[in-house]
Amino acid sequence: MPRGSEQPRVVVVGGQFAGRRASRMLRKGNLHVTLVDSKGFWEYTPGALRCLVEPKAARKMVQAQPRGTVRATAVGLESAGSDTTVTGVKLNDGSSLPADHVVIATGSSYPNPIKATHDVASSPEERRVQIEAAHATLVSAKNVVIVGGGTVGVELAAEIAGKWGRHKEVTLITPHDRLLERMPPRAGKLALRWLEKKGVWVILNDRVEDWGGAPKDVATLRPGGGDWKLRTEQGRELRASLVYPCVGGRSLPGPLKTRGVGKNGEVRVDMANGLRVEGFDNVYAAGDCCGTNEEKNAFTADLNATAVARGILASYRRKPVALSYPRSVCGRNTTPKIAVVSLHKRNAVMQFNGLVLGGPLPAFVKGLIEFFQVHSALGTPGVTFVWDALESTNVFLGRFLF
């Protein structure tokens, strides 16, 4: 811990939604913050699927990390004396960053090209080139199979069908009896109706048993040309030029090795103590990597980061604050269930707790969220203040409505 008048040092590992929010709040509290990110860019990941069909959108969706960001991979933690108190973060170049607190916001991985490879350093320009290449691959595909009927699978199917209509065959398969299984049933019905109207073949209650050699970690054309041949448990044969695995991501624990890491890579946290990582006194987690039982999206990433930042700041201000998450930021023991799933440009499905809406209004809301998130990342004057106020309003209303 810092002595005397030394400014407390916080190392934030991960420069996406949670890492950016935590860094900003801690700097406002007059702490010395170092942001470490293995990539050289920030990406508005909810817009990644739009970029696959319209790569020009990546010009605003992919941005350089802010000045002062350390472009490196955090590979370990240092301690002196007590091994539960971390004193520094080891980097892949052999150097280390001293730390009084560490925030792990390393996110999650997802099959390429929906997310960039998490531990490969690159620039915004290189990521945009990757997106252009993925777009070209999609353009050349006559037919597409999407494995997974959650938010990513549904949005991807909608983007492809919305762009090319019935000129490109799209099949979506899910083992569940409905789409968007983590949202209320009405959301899945609205999405199914829209997709089928656009010519998407939606297969429920079945799963891919034999991938026919198609990779499960990247969407790519079959070497030598021709179609991938997939077989399902119920005996269906699916042929596709391109197969998109959309069956969920995997948490990335970053510099954590075994202590504080669950069997699926999630970072185990003490929710009663501001999302502090189990087994450590001064390490916290936020965002997709955080092992909380809630939907993983930009909204909950911001809530995680807010809880972590408030807890760290409170330790120096000597003012008692509620640390139990999510009550510390939401005023109740559950986070509001807020999600918007795009159905191409002018349609969407939105959930606000138990309320589900479909049509142009949710699409407008999704556009507003994108505007505020992108311009907040750019540092557009006034936008961050307005966005913080809107999120606080949603949290407040989420305590009482629907």
Foldseek 3Di string as FASTA:
>chain_A
DDDDPDAAEEEEEADEQLSVLLQVLLVVLVHHYAYEFQEQWYFPLVCLLLCLQVVVVLVLRIGGADPRHHHFFFAAFDDDDDPQQTQWTATPVGDIGGHRFYEYAQAWAAFPPSPDDRNHYDHSVVNSVSSVVSSVQVVPKQEEEEEAQALVSLLNLLAVLVNQQPSHAYEYEYLAQFHNVVAPRVQRVVSVVLSVVSPYHYHYNKHWDAFQPQDQRYKGFDVPHFWRWTAIPVGDIDTIRIYGYDHDTAADRGNDDPQQADPRRAGEADLQALQAGPSHDRYHYAANSHPDPDDGDSLRRSQSSVLNSVNVSCVVVVDDAGNHPPCRQQVDNDFWDWDWRDSHQQWIWIDTRNDIDITRVSSVVVVVVVVLSSVVSVVPPPSVVVVVVVSSVSSNVSVPDD
